[in-house]
Amino acid sequence: MLVEKNVPLQAFNSFHIVAKAQALVRIASESDLHALLADPVLRASPKFILGGGSNIVLTGDVKALVLKVELMGRRLLHETAKAFIVEAGAGENWHELVAWTLAQGYGGLENMALIPGTVGAAPVQNIGAYGVELQDRFDSLDAIDLQTGHVFTLNAAQCAFGYRDSVFKHGAGAGAVPAGAATTGAVAGAHQVLGLKDRALILRVRFALPKDCKPVLGYADLDRKMAEHACTEPTAQQIFDWVCEIRRAKLPDPQVIGNVGSFFKNPTVTPEQCVDIIARDPKVVHYHLADGSVKLAAGWLIDSCGWRGKSVGQAGVFEKQALVLVNRGGVDSADSATGGEVMTLARAIQTSVYERFGIRLEPEPVVV
């Protein structure tokens, strides 16, 4: 195990913000983690877990010990009567995993094609797109407690999935792991915790991909593709191809223009709130949810406030999609947007949307 010092992080975050890690360890195997935890100084150090860096905004150098997750591997673990159970290492590229599952004949993840990031980050954020969320295809995951060194398994309920949310996004209370979590060793007095943020590192994730996989449709972009191709029952591969085409047309490639994809969550409101907003602006883009609430399109709200194409320093609002903030500096240049510029722009957008619509937009990425 090698501890690297003063490591540039510009290439390790998709916004390509210039920053350094004071210390970084690459985690390529469980043995790397056990070696790290066997060192009393490293074990006691505050830690920051870094996957693909596609959901973070760096506002300065990272003082915590950065654990760069590079755990690889993907396989069909086993089958049930209803599903293929596929397992992948936390360091695997998410999009490449989706493409691989389809190549093996396992459908179910195609709507989430081309989402940037790693497999290990997917359950943290409960990623989702075009009507499918990770929790819809989730089986279980293995993680390691960075304080005790115990490996444990969580099911969907224990991950506490929500809209772009999970137990891994919230700070921990007392206890080692959530109640009922299966572990490889005894955990004295383990009980329910509030969260596992910076406390647990995900090792591998398992997905239950249905054998009788039905296409998930109903979004305007996919409806247009169906009409364009005169296809009413698309295959998983067709949906994968269409989603890739749609995302590439709307979203900038982070290897060319630094960004973290959608910067704000789509807010949900009560039907009464939605009626009030529609009365003020009938064109507001909204979707009725099964629980009776209404989801508003954050990109539309931002665009309506006139932010498309605007900038603060080198941080800007993407011309093709107002929900995306971009780095107008080079992806490998010192003339990059700073985290401060990005957050100044984000706060200005939040203020104007609140003043016009009474809606508080919540950022998706983690601000470090």
Protein backbone atom coordinates (compact mmCIF):
# COMPACT_ATOMS: atom_id res chain seq x y z
CA MET A 1 0.00 0.00 0.00
CA LEU A 2 1.43 3.34 -1.13
CA VAL A 3 0.40 6.68 0.37
CA GLU A 4 0.84 9.33 -2.34
CA LYS A 5 1.39 12.93 -1.25
CA ASN A 6 0.12 16.18 -2.83
CA VAL A 7 -1.74 14.40 -5.62
CA PRO A 8 -3.35 16.63 -8.30
CA LEU A 9 -7.08 15.88 -8.47
CA GLN A 10 -8.00 17.75 -11.67
CA ALA A 11 -8.08 14.51 -13.65
CA PHE A 12 -10.00 12.74 -10.85
CA ASN A 13 -13.06 15.01 -10.83
CA SER A 14 -15.34 15.44 -13.84
CA PHE A 15 -15.64 19.21 -13.27
CA HIS A 16 -11.84 19.26 -13.74
CA ILE A 17 -11.40 21.75 -10.91
CA VAL A 18 -7.77 22.27 -9.90
CA ALA A 19 -7.14 20.92 -6.39
CA LYS A 20 -4.81 18.53 -4.58
CA ALA A 21 -5.16 15.68 -2.14
CA GLN A 22 -2.69 16.07 0.69
CA ALA A 23 -2.57 12.27 0.85
CA LEU A 24 -4.14 9.61 -1.38
CA VAL A 25 -4.30 5.82 -1.28
CA ARG A 26 -5.47 3.73 -4.23
CA ILE A 27 -7.78 0.91 -3.12
CA ALA A 28 -7.42 -1.90 -5.67
CA SER A 29 -8.23 -4.80 -3.31
CA GLU A 30 -9.67 -5.53 0.10
CA SER A 31 -6.15 -6.26 1.29
CA ASP A 32 -5.27 -2.61 0.60
CA LEU A 33 -8.03 -1.57 2.98
CA HIS A 34 -6.98 -4.02 5.67
CA ALA A 35 -3.38 -2.78 5.38
CA LEU A 36 -4.57 0.80 5.70
CA LEU A 37 -6.70 0.04 8.76
CA ALA A 38 -3.79 -1.85 10.35
CA ASP A 39 -1.83 1.42 10.44
CA PRO A 40 -3.00 3.30 13.54
CA VAL A 41 -2.25 6.74 12.07
CA LEU A 42 -4.09 6.09 8.79
CA ARG A 43 -6.92 4.35 10.59
CA ALA A 44 -7.52 7.41 12.76
CA SER A 45 -7.27 9.89 9.87
CA PRO A 46 -10.43 11.53 8.49
CA LYS A 47 -11.19 9.94 5.13
CA PHE A 48 -12.76 11.01 1.84
CA ILE A 49 -13.95 8.29 -0.54
CA LEU A 50 -13.40 9.06 -4.22
CA GLY A 51 -14.90 7.03 -7.04
CA GLY A 52 -15.15 8.54 -10.52
CA GLY A 53 -15.35 12.09 -9.16
CA SER A 54 -18.47 12.70 -11.25
CA ASN A 55 -20.60 14.02 -8.40
CA ILE A 56 -18.30 16.33 -6.44
CA VAL A 57 -17.39 20.01 -6.44
CA LEU A 58 -13.94 20.66 -4.97
CA THR A 59 -13.74 24.06 -3.29
CA GLY A 60 -10.11 23.64 -2.19
CA ASP A 61 -7.42 21.06 -1.47
CA VAL A 62 -8.66 17.94 0.29
CA LYS A 63 -7.13 17.59 3.74
CA ALA A 64 -8.74 14.24 4.55
CA LEU A 65 -7.04 11.03 3.40
CA VAL A 66 -8.45 10.34 -0.06
CA LEU A 67 -9.36 6.71 -0.73
CA LYS A 68 -9.38 6.31 -4.53
CA VAL A 69 -11.64 3.29 -5.17
CA GLU A 70 -10.29 1.04 -7.94
CA LEU A 71 -11.95 -2.28 -7.03
CA MET A 72 -12.67 -4.07 -10.31
CA GLY A 73 -14.47 -7.18 -11.54
CA ARG A 74 -17.91 -8.09 -12.90
CA ARG A 75 -19.66 -11.44 -13.13
CA LEU A 76 -22.94 -13.30 -13.16
CA LEU A 77 -23.10 -14.43 -9.55
CA HIS A 78 -26.12 -16.71 -9.87
CA GLU A 79 -29.65 -16.92 -11.23
CA THR A 80 -33.03 -17.14 -9.58
CA ALA A 81 -36.30 -18.12 -11.20
CA LYS A 82 -36.98 -14.46 -11.93
CA ALA A 83 -33.64 -12.68 -12.20
CA PHE A 84 -29.97 -12.71 -13.10
CA ILE A 85 -27.90 -11.62 -10.09
CA VAL A 86 -24.93 -9.66 -11.43
CA GLU A 87 -22.07 -8.49 -9.20
CA ALA A 88 -19.60 -5.70 -9.98
CA GLY A 89 -16.65 -4.15 -8.14
CA ALA A 90 -17.11 -0.63 -6.82
CA GLY A 91 -14.40 0.77 -9.09
CA GLU A 92 -16.01 -0.42 -12.32
CA ASN A 93 -17.22 2.27 -14.73
CA TRP A 94 -21.02 2.43 -14.52
CA HIS A 95 -21.74 2.88 -18.24
CA GLU A 96 -19.35 0.10 -19.18
CA LEU A 97 -21.16 -2.21 -16.74
CA VAL A 98 -24.52 -1.35 -18.36
CA ALA A 99 -23.11 -2.11 -21.82
CA TRP A 100 -21.60 -5.37 -20.54
CA THR A 101 -24.87 -6.60 -19.00
CA LEU A 102 -26.67 -6.07 -22.30
CA ALA A 103 -23.92 -7.87 -24.20
CA GLN A 104 -24.47 -10.84 -21.86
CA GLY A 105 -28.23 -10.75 -22.49
CA TYR A 106 -29.20 -9.22 -19.13
CA GLY A 107 -31.60 -6.31 -19.57
CA GLY A 108 -32.78 -3.86 -16.94
CA LEU A 109 -30.12 -1.15 -16.66
CA GLU A 110 -30.46 0.30 -20.16
CA ASN A 111 -32.40 3.43 -19.13
CA MET A 112 -29.42 4.42 -16.97
CA ALA A 113 -26.89 4.25 -19.80
CA LEU A 114 -24.18 6.89 -20.02
CA ILE A 115 -24.59 8.10 -16.43
CA PRO A 116 -21.03 9.05 -15.45
CA GLY A 117 -19.31 7.59 -12.41
CA THR A 118 -18.50 4.25 -10.84
CA VAL A 119 -20.55 1.30 -9.66
CA GLY A 120 -19.71 2.04 -6.02
CA ALA A 121 -21.05 5.58 -6.31
CA ALA A 122 -24.33 4.44 -7.92
CA PRO A 123 -26.08 3.32 -4.71
CA VAL A 124 -24.73 6.31 -2.75
CA GLN A 125 -26.63 8.63 -5.09
CA ASN A 126 -29.38 6.13 -6.00
CA ILE A 127 -28.78 7.17 -9.60
CA GLY A 128 -31.67 7.14 -12.03
CA ALA A 129 -32.82 8.19 -15.48
CA TYR A 130 -35.83 7.80 -17.75
CA GLY A 131 -38.09 6.14 -15.21
CA VAL A 132 -35.61 3.70 -13.65
CA GLU A 133 -33.63 4.17 -10.44
CA LEU A 134 -30.84 2.01 -9.12
CA GLN A 135 -33.08 0.83 -6.26
CA ASP A 136 -35.39 -0.76 -8.87
CA ARG A 137 -32.60 -3.15 -9.93
CA PHE A 138 -30.72 -3.44 -6.64
CA ASP A 139 -30.10 -6.72 -4.84
CA SER A 140 -27.47 -6.01 -2.16
CA LEU A 141 -23.99 -4.63 -1.57
CA ASP A 142 -20.91 -5.35 0.51
CA ALA A 143 -19.12 -2.55 2.35
CA ILE A 144 -16.38 -2.25 4.93
CA ASP A 145 -16.64 -0.27 8.15
CA LEU A 146 -13.63 2.06 8.06
CA GLN A 147 -13.47 2.19 11.84
CA THR A 148 -13.79 -1.48 12.72
CA GLY A 149 -12.58 -3.16 9.52
CA HIS A 150 -15.65 -5.42 9.45
CA VAL A 151 -17.21 -6.23 6.09
CA PHE A 152 -21.00 -6.20 6.06
CA THR A 153 -23.87 -6.64 3.61
CA LEU A 154 -26.84 -4.33 3.15
CA ASN A 155 -30.12 -4.99 1.37
CA ALA A 156 -32.27 -2.30 -0.25
CA ALA A 157 -34.21 -1.46 2.91
CA GLN A 158 -30.99 -1.00 4.91
CA CYS A 159 -29.62 1.34 2.22
CA ALA A 160 -32.63 3.64 2.86
CA PHE A 161 -32.87 4.68 -0.77
CA GLY A 162 -34.66 7.92 -1.63
CA TYR A 163 -34.62 10.36 -4.52
CA ARG A 164 -30.86 10.75 -5.16
CA ASP A 165 -30.35 9.67 -1.58
CA SER A 166 -29.19 6.77 0.58
CA VAL A 167 -27.76 5.92 4.00
CA PHE A 168 -24.31 6.67 2.54
CA LYS A 169 -25.08 10.39 2.15
CA HIS A 170 -25.78 11.02 5.83
CA GLY A 171 -23.50 11.24 8.85
CA ALA A 172 -23.34 8.30 11.26
CA GLY A 173 -24.60 8.09 14.79
CA ALA A 174 -23.45 5.55 17.34
CA GLY A 175 -23.05 1.91 16.36
CA ALA A 176 -21.09 0.07 13.72
CA VAL A 177 -23.57 -0.89 11.01
CA PRO A 178 -27.33 -0.77 10.50
CA ALA A 179 -29.36 -3.23 12.54
CA GLY A 180 -29.74 -6.58 10.83
CA ALA A 181 -26.81 -6.11 8.47
CA ALA A 182 -24.95 -9.33 7.84
CA THR A 183 -21.26 -9.12 8.77
CA THR A 184 -18.20 -11.27 8.45
CA GLY A 185 -17.38 -10.76 12.10
CA ALA A 186 -19.15 -10.07 15.36
CA VAL A 187 -20.07 -6.44 15.88
CA ALA A 188 -20.75 -5.84 19.55
CA GLY A 189 -23.79 -3.71 20.19
CA ALA A 190 -24.46 -2.94 16.54
CA HIS A 191 -27.66 -0.98 16.14
CA GLN A 192 -29.38 1.34 13.75
CA VAL A 193 -27.26 4.32 12.69
CA LEU A 194 -28.31 7.57 11.09
CA GLY A 195 -25.96 7.17 8.17
CA LEU A 196 -22.70 5.80 6.85
CA LYS A 197 -21.19 8.84 5.15
CA ASP A 198 -17.36 8.64 5.35
CA ARG A 199 -17.80 5.66 7.69
CA ALA A 200 -18.22 2.85 5.17
CA LEU A 201 -16.63 2.15 1.80
CA ILE A 202 -18.64 0.13 -0.72
CA LEU A 203 -16.70 -2.86 -2.06
CA ARG A 204 -19.10 -4.42 -4.58
CA VAL A 205 -22.71 -4.14 -5.65
CA ARG A 206 -25.17 -6.81 -6.80
CA PHE A 207 -28.06 -6.21 -9.16
CA ALA A 208 -31.21 -8.28 -9.76
CA LEU A 209 -31.89 -8.00 -13.49
CA PRO A 210 -35.32 -9.42 -14.35
CA LYS A 211 -35.49 -12.28 -16.83
CA ASP A 212 -38.87 -11.03 -18.00
CA CYS A 213 -37.62 -7.49 -18.50
CA LYS A 214 -40.24 -5.08 -19.80
CA PRO A 215 -39.16 -1.79 -21.39
CA VAL A 216 -39.65 1.26 -19.17
CA LEU A 217 -41.03 4.04 -21.37
CA GLY A 218 -43.28 7.06 -20.92
CA TYR A 219 -40.73 9.86 -21.28
CA ALA A 220 -41.15 12.33 -24.14
CA ASP A 221 -37.61 11.82 -25.44
CA LEU A 222 -38.11 8.06 -25.67
CA ASP A 223 -41.59 8.52 -27.17
CA ARG A 224 -40.03 10.60 -29.94
CA LYS A 225 -37.46 7.90 -30.61
CA MET A 226 -40.22 5.27 -30.82
CA ALA A 227 -42.12 7.42 -33.32
CA GLU A 228 -38.96 8.16 -35.30
CA HIS A 229 -38.17 4.45 -35.63
CA ALA A 230 -41.84 3.33 -35.90
CA CYS A 231 -41.19 0.98 -32.99
CA THR A 232 -43.77 0.31 -30.26
CA GLU A 233 -41.91 -2.42 -28.39
CA PRO A 234 -38.21 -1.54 -28.32
CA THR A 235 -35.61 -4.01 -27.11
CA ALA A 236 -33.30 -3.28 -24.19
CA GLN A 237 -30.48 -2.65 -26.67
CA GLN A 238 -32.59 -0.17 -28.63
CA ILE A 239 -33.45 1.74 -25.46
CA PHE A 240 -29.75 1.75 -24.51
CA ASP A 241 -28.83 3.19 -27.93
CA TRP A 242 -31.59 5.79 -27.78
CA VAL A 243 -30.70 6.92 -24.26
CA CYS A 244 -27.06 7.31 -25.33
CA GLU A 245 -28.12 9.39 -28.34
CA ILE A 246 -30.43 11.57 -26.23
CA ARG A 247 -27.86 12.18 -23.49
CA ARG A 248 -25.06 12.95 -25.96
CA ALA A 249 -27.30 15.48 -27.72
CA LYS A 250 -28.27 17.22 -24.47
CA LEU A 251 -25.29 16.87 -22.15
CA PRO A 252 -21.64 17.84 -22.58
CA ASP A 253 -18.96 15.15 -22.52
CA PRO A 254 -17.08 15.72 -19.23
CA GLN A 255 -13.84 14.79 -20.97
CA VAL A 256 -14.33 17.81 -23.23
CA ILE A 257 -16.28 20.25 -21.03
CA GLY A 258 -16.01 19.80 -17.28
CA ASN A 259 -19.36 19.14 -15.56
CA VAL A 260 -21.13 16.84 -13.11
CA GLY A 261 -24.27 16.30 -15.18
CA SER A 262 -27.49 17.54 -13.59
CA PHE A 263 -26.43 20.00 -10.90
CA PHE A 264 -29.78 20.33 -9.14
CA LYS A 265 -32.41 17.82 -8.10
CA ASN A 266 -35.85 18.10 -9.66
CA PRO A 267 -37.96 19.49 -6.78
CA THR A 268 -41.23 17.87 -5.71
CA VAL A 269 -44.23 19.91 -4.54
CA THR A 270 -47.77 19.24 -3.39
CA PRO A 271 -50.59 19.35 -5.98
CA GLU A 272 -51.76 22.60 -4.39
CA GLN A 273 -48.33 24.19 -4.77
CA CYS A 274 -48.21 23.03 -8.39
CA VAL A 275 -51.62 24.58 -9.12
CA ASP A 276 -50.36 27.86 -7.66
CA ILE A 277 -47.22 27.78 -9.83
CA ILE A 278 -49.21 26.88 -12.95
CA ALA A 279 -51.53 29.81 -12.27
CA ARG A 280 -48.48 32.09 -12.42
CA ASP A 281 -46.76 30.28 -15.28
CA PRO A 282 -48.90 27.76 -17.23
CA LYS A 283 -45.90 26.46 -19.17
CA VAL A 284 -44.10 24.99 -16.14
CA VAL A 285 -42.88 21.47 -16.94
CA HIS A 286 -44.16 19.01 -14.33
CA TYR A 287 -44.82 15.30 -13.79
CA HIS A 288 -47.40 13.70 -11.50
CA LEU A 289 -45.92 11.00 -9.26
CA ALA A 290 -47.56 7.86 -7.91
CA ASP A 291 -47.61 9.18 -4.34
CA GLY A 292 -49.69 12.19 -5.38
CA SER A 293 -46.86 14.72 -5.34
CA VAL A 294 -45.69 16.60 -8.42
CA LYS A 295 -42.12 16.75 -9.72
CA LEU A 296 -41.03 19.99 -11.37
CA ALA A 297 -38.32 20.17 -14.03
CA ALA A 298 -35.46 22.07 -12.38
CA GLY A 299 -33.90 22.80 -15.77
CA TRP A 300 -37.08 24.54 -16.90
CA LEU A 301 -37.23 26.63 -13.72
CA ILE A 302 -33.61 27.73 -14.20
CA ASP A 303 -34.12 28.44 -17.89
CA SER A 304 -37.22 30.53 -17.11
CA CYS A 305 -35.11 32.70 -14.84
CA GLY A 306 -32.82 33.50 -17.76
CA TRP A 307 -29.72 31.60 -16.68
CA ARG A 308 -29.02 29.57 -19.81
CA GLY A 309 -25.57 30.49 -21.13
CA LYS A 310 -24.74 32.84 -18.24
CA SER A 311 -21.42 32.65 -16.36
CA VAL A 312 -19.66 33.55 -13.14
CA GLY A 313 -15.95 33.60 -13.89
CA GLN A 314 -15.18 30.33 -15.66
CA ALA A 315 -18.27 28.57 -14.31
CA GLY A 316 -21.27 28.69 -16.61
CA VAL A 317 -24.75 27.35 -17.37
CA PHE A 318 -24.68 25.01 -20.36
CA GLU A 319 -26.29 26.49 -23.47
CA LYS A 320 -28.16 23.29 -24.38
CA GLN A 321 -29.42 22.34 -20.90
CA ALA A 322 -29.85 24.82 -18.08
CA LEU A 323 -29.72 22.07 -15.45
CA VAL A 324 -26.02 21.53 -16.21
CA LEU A 325 -23.28 23.80 -14.89
CA VAL A 326 -20.01 23.65 -16.80
CA ASN A 327 -16.34 24.56 -16.51
CA ARG A 328 -15.55 26.98 -19.32
CA GLY A 329 -11.81 26.61 -18.66
CA GLY A 330 -9.83 23.74 -20.16
CA VAL A 331 -10.19 20.26 -18.70
CA ASP A 332 -6.43 20.06 -18.20
CA SER A 333 -5.74 23.76 -17.79
CA ALA A 334 -4.82 25.90 -14.81
CA ASP A 335 -7.42 28.33 -16.17
CA SER A 336 -10.15 26.06 -14.84
CA ALA A 337 -13.26 27.23 -13.02
CA THR A 338 -12.78 27.21 -9.27
CA GLY A 339 -15.11 25.49 -6.85
CA GLY A 340 -15.89 28.93 -5.44
CA GLU A 341 -17.06 30.17 -8.85
CA VAL A 342 -19.23 27.10 -9.33
CA MET A 343 -20.90 27.50 -5.95
CA THR A 344 -21.34 31.27 -6.38
CA LEU A 345 -23.17 30.58 -9.64
CA ALA A 346 -25.21 27.80 -8.03
CA ARG A 347 -26.29 30.01 -5.13
CA ALA A 348 -27.28 32.83 -7.50
CA ILE A 349 -29.45 30.39 -9.46
CA GLN A 350 -31.05 29.09 -6.26
CA THR A 351 -31.87 32.64 -5.17
CA SER A 352 -33.50 33.67 -8.45
CA VAL A 353 -35.58 30.45 -8.67
CA TYR A 354 -36.76 30.92 -5.10
CA GLU A 355 -37.64 34.56 -5.65
CA ARG A 356 -39.70 33.76 -8.75
CA PHE A 357 -41.28 30.40 -7.91
CA GLY A 358 -40.87 29.98 -4.14
CA ILE A 359 -38.95 26.75 -4.80
CA ARG A 360 -35.63 25.94 -3.14
CA LEU A 361 -33.39 23.96 -5.50
CA GLU A 362 -31.13 21.37 -3.87
CA PRO A 363 -27.73 20.60 -5.44
CA GLU A 364 -27.03 16.98 -6.41
CA PRO A 365 -23.21 16.94 -6.13
CA VAL A 366 -21.27 16.75 -2.88
CA VAL A 367 -19.44 19.98 -2.09
CA VAL A 368 -15.99 19.27 -0.64
